Protein backbone atom coordinates (compact mmCIF):
# COMPACT_ATOMS: atom_id res chain seq x y z
CA MET A 1 -19.20 -4.52 -35.88
CA GLN A 2 -19.39 -2.61 -32.63
CA ARG A 3 -18.79 -4.29 -29.50
CA VAL A 4 -20.94 -3.63 -26.83
CA GLN A 5 -19.00 -2.45 -24.02
CA THR A 6 -19.55 -4.27 -20.62
CA VAL A 7 -19.35 -3.57 -17.13
CA GLY A 8 -16.34 -4.33 -17.54
CA ASP A 9 -15.02 -1.79 -19.76
CA VAL A 10 -16.18 0.22 -18.01
CA VAL A 11 -14.85 -0.34 -15.02
CA GLY A 12 -11.59 -1.12 -16.69
CA ARG A 13 -11.48 2.60 -17.99
CA TRP A 14 -12.64 4.11 -14.82
CA PHE A 15 -11.23 2.31 -11.98
CA PRO A 16 -7.71 3.92 -11.93
CA VAL A 17 -10.03 6.94 -11.57
CA ILE A 18 -12.08 5.99 -9.25
CA VAL A 19 -9.55 4.68 -6.72
CA LEU A 20 -7.20 7.94 -7.12
CA VAL A 21 -10.62 10.03 -6.00
CA ALA A 22 -10.56 7.72 -2.64
CA GLY A 23 -7.34 7.82 -2.17
CA ALA A 24 -7.66 11.09 -1.97
CA VAL A 25 -11.12 11.23 0.02
CA ALA A 26 -9.88 9.02 2.60
CA LEU A 27 -6.00 11.83 2.86
CA ALA A 28 -8.68 14.58 3.42
CA VAL A 29 -10.92 13.12 5.50
CA PRO A 30 -9.76 10.06 7.85
CA GLY A 31 -11.08 10.25 10.94
CA VAL A 32 -14.40 9.82 9.16
CA PHE A 33 -12.89 5.66 8.59
CA ASP A 34 -12.01 5.59 12.33
CA GLY A 35 -12.78 1.69 13.61
CA TRP A 36 -13.54 0.46 10.00
CA SER A 37 -10.26 -1.42 9.81
CA SER A 38 -11.71 -4.76 10.85
CA ALA A 39 -13.96 -4.29 8.23
CA VAL A 40 -10.58 -5.08 5.40
CA PRO A 41 -10.62 -8.87 5.70
CA TRP A 42 -13.90 -9.38 5.50
CA LEU A 43 -14.49 -6.67 2.27
CA LEU A 44 -11.01 -8.98 0.67
CA ALA A 45 -13.02 -11.95 1.59
CA LEU A 46 -16.11 -11.21 -0.68
CA ILE A 47 -13.34 -10.14 -3.59
CA MET A 48 -12.35 -13.13 -3.47
CA LEU A 49 -15.81 -15.27 -2.93
CA GLY A 50 -16.50 -13.24 -6.71
CA MET A 51 -13.44 -14.12 -8.13
CA GLY A 52 -14.30 -17.23 -7.65
CA MET A 53 -17.29 -17.26 -9.16
CA THR A 54 -15.86 -16.37 -12.22
CA LEU A 55 -13.87 -19.23 -12.31
CA ARG A 56 -14.62 -22.51 -14.91
CA PRO A 57 -12.86 -25.73 -15.50
CA VAL A 58 -12.23 -24.43 -18.76
CA ASP A 59 -10.31 -21.78 -17.16
CA PHE A 60 -7.37 -24.65 -15.98
CA ALA A 61 -7.37 -25.80 -19.35
CA TYR A 62 -4.45 -23.41 -20.65
CA ILE A 63 -2.33 -24.90 -18.29
CA VAL A 64 -2.38 -28.33 -20.37
CA ARG A 65 -2.43 -27.01 -23.47
CA ARG A 66 0.02 -24.69 -23.44
CA PRO A 67 2.48 -25.69 -20.09
CA ALA A 68 5.65 -23.76 -20.71
CA ALA A 69 3.89 -20.26 -20.91
CA PHE A 70 2.12 -21.07 -18.30
CA ALA A 71 5.50 -22.22 -16.00
CA ILE A 72 7.09 -19.15 -16.86
CA GLY A 73 4.50 -16.57 -16.55
CA LEU A 74 3.82 -18.36 -12.95
CA GLY A 75 7.43 -18.65 -11.90
CA ALA A 76 8.20 -14.95 -13.20
CA GLN A 77 5.18 -13.66 -11.03
CA TYR A 78 6.96 -15.03 -7.99
CA VAL A 79 10.16 -14.65 -8.48
CA VAL A 80 11.09 -11.33 -10.09
CA MET A 81 8.45 -8.89 -8.37
CA PRO A 82 10.13 -10.49 -4.56
CA ALA A 83 13.07 -9.98 -6.37
CA VAL A 84 12.65 -6.18 -6.86
CA GLY A 85 10.40 -5.61 -4.05
CA TRP A 86 13.52 -6.78 -1.62
CA LEU A 87 15.86 -5.11 -3.81
CA LEU A 88 13.99 -1.60 -2.76
CA THR A 89 13.55 -2.02 0.85
CA VAL A 90 17.29 -2.58 1.23
CA LEU A 91 18.62 0.93 -1.26
CA VAL A 92 16.33 2.57 0.30
CA ASP A 93 15.99 3.44 3.69
CA LEU A 94 12.38 2.59 4.91
CA PRO A 95 10.74 1.94 8.16
CA PRO A 96 10.73 -1.47 9.22
CA GLU A 97 6.78 -1.81 9.08
CA ILE A 98 6.82 0.28 5.28
CA ALA A 99 9.72 -2.29 4.25
CA VAL A 100 6.96 -5.91 5.43
CA GLY A 101 4.25 -4.22 3.33
CA VAL A 102 6.76 -3.69 0.42
CA ILE A 103 7.84 -7.16 0.81
CA LEU A 104 4.00 -8.01 0.66
CA VAL A 105 3.22 -6.51 -2.02
CA ALA A 106 6.27 -7.84 -3.80
CA CYS A 107 5.37 -11.45 -2.56
CA ALA A 108 1.45 -11.74 -3.30
CA PRO A 109 -0.35 -13.06 -6.48
CA GLY A 110 -1.49 -11.54 -9.24
CA GLY A 111 -4.22 -8.83 -9.19
CA THR A 112 -7.48 -9.12 -9.20
CA ALA A 113 -7.95 -6.50 -11.19
CA SER A 114 -5.29 -8.00 -13.96
CA ASN A 115 -7.80 -9.72 -16.15
CA VAL A 116 -9.44 -6.97 -17.11
CA MET A 117 -6.56 -5.46 -18.65
CA VAL A 118 -4.95 -8.44 -20.62
CA PHE A 119 -7.77 -7.84 -22.04
CA LEU A 120 -8.28 -4.26 -22.89
CA ALA A 121 -4.31 -4.56 -24.31
CA ARG A 122 -5.19 -7.53 -26.51
CA GLY A 123 -3.61 -10.11 -24.39
CA ASP A 124 -3.72 -13.76 -24.04
CA VAL A 125 -6.72 -13.84 -21.68
CA ALA A 126 -6.26 -17.50 -20.66
CA LEU A 127 -2.95 -17.19 -19.67
CA SER A 128 -3.63 -14.15 -17.32
CA VAL A 129 -6.96 -15.78 -16.04
CA ALA A 130 -4.97 -19.16 -15.45
CA MET A 131 -1.83 -17.24 -14.05
CA THR A 132 -4.53 -15.09 -11.78
CA SER A 133 -5.56 -18.62 -10.30
CA VAL A 134 -3.20 -20.29 -9.87
CA SER A 135 -1.07 -17.71 -8.29
CA THR A 136 -3.98 -17.18 -5.95
CA LEU A 137 -4.57 -20.58 -4.99
CA VAL A 138 -0.75 -21.40 -3.92
CA ALA A 139 -0.48 -18.05 -2.29
CA PRO A 140 -0.86 -20.16 1.36
CA ILE A 141 1.73 -21.61 1.19
CA VAL A 142 4.54 -19.63 -1.34
CA THR A 143 3.04 -16.15 -0.06
CA PRO A 144 4.53 -16.90 3.69
CA LEU A 145 7.90 -18.35 3.14
CA LEU A 146 8.80 -15.57 0.85
CA VAL A 147 7.42 -12.46 2.92
CA LEU A 148 9.42 -15.20 5.94
CA LEU A 149 12.53 -15.26 3.64
CA LEU A 150 12.66 -11.41 2.67
CA ALA A 151 11.64 -9.54 5.64
CA GLY A 152 12.21 -11.29 9.21
CA GLN A 153 14.83 -9.18 9.21
CA TYR A 154 12.03 -6.07 9.65
CA LEU A 155 10.32 -7.88 12.11
CA PRO A 156 9.33 -10.96 13.18
CA VAL A 157 7.57 -12.57 10.55
CA SER A 158 4.74 -15.42 11.00
CA ALA A 159 4.38 -17.33 8.19
CA GLY A 160 1.93 -20.19 9.93
CA SER A 161 -0.03 -16.99 10.73
CA LEU A 162 -0.11 -15.90 7.51
CA PHE A 163 -0.96 -19.25 6.13
CA PHE A 164 -3.92 -19.05 7.44
CA SER A 165 -4.78 -15.82 6.86
CA ILE A 166 -4.44 -16.67 3.48
CA VAL A 167 -6.37 -19.23 3.61
CA GLN A 168 -9.31 -18.14 5.38
CA ILE A 169 -9.06 -14.14 3.80
CA VAL A 170 -8.18 -16.40 0.09
CA LEU A 171 -8.47 -19.67 -0.70
CA ILE A 172 -12.47 -20.72 1.16
CA PRO A 173 -13.48 -17.75 -1.09
CA VAL A 174 -12.36 -18.37 -3.84
CA VAL A 175 -13.42 -22.01 -3.40
CA LEU A 176 -16.75 -21.47 -2.46
CA GLY A 177 -17.18 -19.18 -5.37
CA PHE A 178 -16.46 -21.89 -8.05
CA LEU A 179 -18.30 -24.20 -6.34
CA LEU A 180 -21.48 -21.85 -6.52
CA ARG A 181 -20.65 -21.96 -10.59
CA ARG A 182 -20.58 -25.19 -10.07
CA PHE A 183 -23.64 -25.79 -8.77
CA ALA A 184 -25.58 -23.34 -9.01
CA GLY A 185 -24.65 -21.49 -12.50
CA GLY A 186 -27.35 -20.58 -13.11
CA VAL A 187 -28.15 -17.53 -9.97
CA VAL A 188 -24.07 -16.89 -10.43
CA ASP A 189 -24.82 -16.22 -14.38
CA ARG A 190 -27.50 -13.65 -12.99
CA ILE A 191 -25.64 -11.41 -10.56
CA THR A 192 -22.06 -12.29 -12.63
CA PRO A 193 -22.16 -8.81 -14.73
CA ALA A 194 -22.15 -7.31 -11.73
CA LEU A 195 -19.04 -8.91 -9.85
CA PRO A 196 -16.90 -5.89 -11.59
CA LEU A 197 -18.49 -3.37 -9.83
CA ALA A 198 -18.74 -4.81 -6.38
CA SER A 199 -15.30 -5.85 -6.71
CA VAL A 200 -14.03 -1.75 -7.32
CA ILE A 201 -16.19 -1.01 -4.65
CA GLY A 202 -14.47 -3.67 -2.27
CA ILE A 203 -10.88 -2.82 -3.57
CA THR A 204 -12.18 1.18 -3.49
CA THR A 205 -12.95 0.62 0.33
CA VAL A 206 -9.88 -1.36 1.33
CA VAL A 207 -7.69 1.66 -0.06
CA MET A 208 -9.67 4.21 1.41
CA ILE A 209 -9.88 2.88 4.74
CA VAL A 210 -6.14 1.43 5.05
CA VAL A 211 -4.86 4.99 3.59
CA ALA A 212 -6.98 6.79 6.38
CA GLY A 213 -5.66 4.39 8.80
CA SER A 214 -2.04 5.47 8.27
CA ALA A 215 -2.55 8.81 6.75
CA ASP A 216 0.36 9.99 8.95
CA ALA A 217 2.36 7.74 7.65
CA LEU A 218 2.11 9.09 4.45
CA PHE A 219 2.77 12.19 5.23
CA ALA A 220 6.10 11.22 7.10
CA ALA A 221 7.38 9.53 4.77
CA GLY A 222 5.40 9.71 1.38
CA LEU A 223 7.64 10.71 -1.62
CA ALA A 224 9.81 7.80 -0.29
CA ILE A 225 6.69 5.24 -0.29
CA VAL A 226 5.15 6.16 -3.59
CA GLY A 227 8.94 6.61 -5.18
CA VAL A 228 9.14 2.55 -4.43
CA VAL A 229 5.53 1.60 -5.31
CA ILE A 230 6.13 3.13 -9.02
CA VAL A 231 9.99 1.99 -9.20
CA HIS A 232 8.54 -1.74 -7.84
CA ASN A 233 4.95 -1.59 -10.17
CA LEU A 234 7.10 -0.30 -13.65
CA ALA A 235 9.75 -3.00 -12.82
CA GLY A 236 7.69 -5.26 -12.88
CA LEU A 237 5.52 -4.76 -15.93
CA ALA A 238 9.20 -4.29 -18.06
CA LEU A 239 11.19 -8.11 -16.60
CA GLY A 240 8.15 -9.78 -16.98
CA TYR A 241 7.68 -8.41 -20.33
CA ALA A 242 11.11 -9.19 -20.75
CA VAL A 243 11.45 -12.74 -19.30
CA ALA A 244 8.37 -13.69 -21.18
CA ARG A 245 9.87 -11.88 -24.56
CA ALA A 246 13.20 -14.22 -23.53
CA PHE A 247 11.62 -17.33 -23.30
CA GLY A 248 10.59 -16.80 -26.86
CA LEU A 249 6.69 -16.10 -26.17
CA ASP A 250 4.44 -14.79 -28.65
CA ALA A 251 3.29 -11.36 -28.31
CA THR A 252 0.08 -11.57 -26.61
CA ALA A 253 1.53 -14.33 -23.82
CA ARG A 254 4.49 -11.55 -23.00
CA ARG A 255 1.47 -8.67 -22.59
CA ALA A 256 -0.60 -11.26 -20.17
CA VAL A 257 2.47 -12.17 -18.26
CA SER A 258 3.75 -8.19 -18.48
CA ILE A 259 0.39 -7.05 -16.67
CA GLU A 260 0.06 -10.32 -14.38
CA VAL A 261 3.59 -9.62 -12.95
CA GLY A 262 2.91 -6.24 -12.11
CA MET A 263 -0.10 -6.15 -11.04
CA GLN A 264 -0.50 -7.83 -7.53
CA ASN A 265 -3.12 -8.32 -5.28
CA SER A 266 -2.08 -5.27 -3.40
CA GLY A 267 -5.63 -5.74 -1.25
CA LEU A 268 -4.40 -8.72 0.35
CA ALA A 269 -1.02 -7.36 1.15
CA ALA A 270 -2.35 -4.44 2.40
CA THR A 271 -5.45 -6.87 5.21
CA LEU A 272 -1.94 -9.30 5.87
CA GLY A 273 -0.01 -6.05 7.19
CA THR A 274 -2.91 -4.64 8.77
CA VAL A 275 -3.86 -7.96 10.80
CA HIS A 276 -0.18 -8.72 11.63
CA PHE A 277 1.96 -5.59 11.27
CA GLY A 278 0.20 -2.73 12.23
CA PRO A 279 -1.37 0.34 9.62
CA ALA A 280 1.72 1.46 8.19
CA ALA A 281 3.00 -2.27 7.10
CA ALA A 282 -0.42 -2.05 5.36
CA LEU A 283 -0.22 1.42 3.67
CA PRO A 284 2.68 -0.11 0.50
CA GLY A 285 -0.53 -2.74 -0.31
CA ALA A 286 -2.61 0.85 -0.27
CA VAL A 287 -0.07 3.18 -3.20
CA PHE A 288 0.39 0.36 -5.24
CA SER A 289 -3.64 -0.23 -5.42
CA VAL A 290 -4.01 3.02 -6.72
CA TRP A 291 -1.06 3.16 -8.88
CA HIS A 292 -0.55 -0.20 -10.67
CA ASN A 293 -4.59 0.73 -11.91
CA VAL A 294 -3.09 4.15 -13.40
CA SER A 295 -0.03 2.11 -15.31
CA GLY A 296 -2.05 -0.29 -15.80
CA ALA A 297 -4.83 1.14 -17.37
CA ALA A 298 -1.89 3.36 -19.32
CA LEU A 299 -0.73 0.29 -20.39
CA ALA A 300 -3.55 -1.83 -21.48
CA SER A 301 -4.52 1.97 -23.43
CA TYR A 302 -1.49 1.80 -25.35
CA TRP A 303 -1.27 -2.29 -26.16
CA SER A 304 -5.06 -2.25 -27.11
CA LYS A 305 -3.83 0.19 -29.88
CA ARG A 306 -1.75 -1.81 -31.48
CA PRO A 307 -3.16 -4.87 -32.54
CA VAL A 308 -0.43 -8.44 -33.24
CA PRO A 309 0.14 -10.80 -35.89
CA VAL A 310 -1.37 -14.24 -34.75
CA THR A 311 2.14 -16.06 -36.14
CA THR A 312 4.83 -13.14 -35.09
CA THR A 313 6.83 -13.49 -31.64
CA ARG A 314 7.71 -9.89 -31.89
CA GLU A 315 5.61 -6.49 -31.76
């Protein structure tokens, strides 16, 4: 029987095109978005609220069922991308604000679109959801400390300020969304089908605001920024897969870890850059938002055509 397409399927397929067009529009008419930067934290908070409303207690059961796979994936999330991001800022001569922006992306939790990509890739969706959820919940502690460690050489970093921003923008909305599902499940179930579309609108708007606000910086150092973002993302995808394979995870788990590691919550990185470091620091996050949806969708499409035998650990 042919599976009926959901809104999430359509969003996953067209999201890369949508964000590419949005970025181009923002570059073409940046003045349209003047004064919109204050809306970025609120938009991300709404996206995180929607993510919280999709969570259920059973999503965390994976941690108990397969603690080793979860620990390997979460460890890779917060080791691989920060290490690669820091190395790129050392190797490539970037302005300080943009270098900090690269590190913000590197130290962010898993991306909000990763679960859809893992589903399309026939990966371990339960592992993907557990990694996204927990990496998001621990982000108020882990992300500021990593940014302080890796980005302090470029600009002054206040780990305390980053902590409070992440709590306000990410943790509180996610927990509130989770509680809404727990105590008002009937209402949440009725609006859940619209959440993927709402997330696309929110993320796309954030990309447009950030790209428009830092258009001059993008034109000045565009190729360097785009090159660093592409290498960062591809390295995350490849190394995430390699780490999972080295630890003997099965093929579906390797796909999930690869995508989770390579796809960051770049909207959070762009928001933190905007609030704490300036428009240029938000630019790597905006470019990453565009690119990782393109690469993630391409990889998901490739893997979707390669079914995975349940009993094998090799593809």
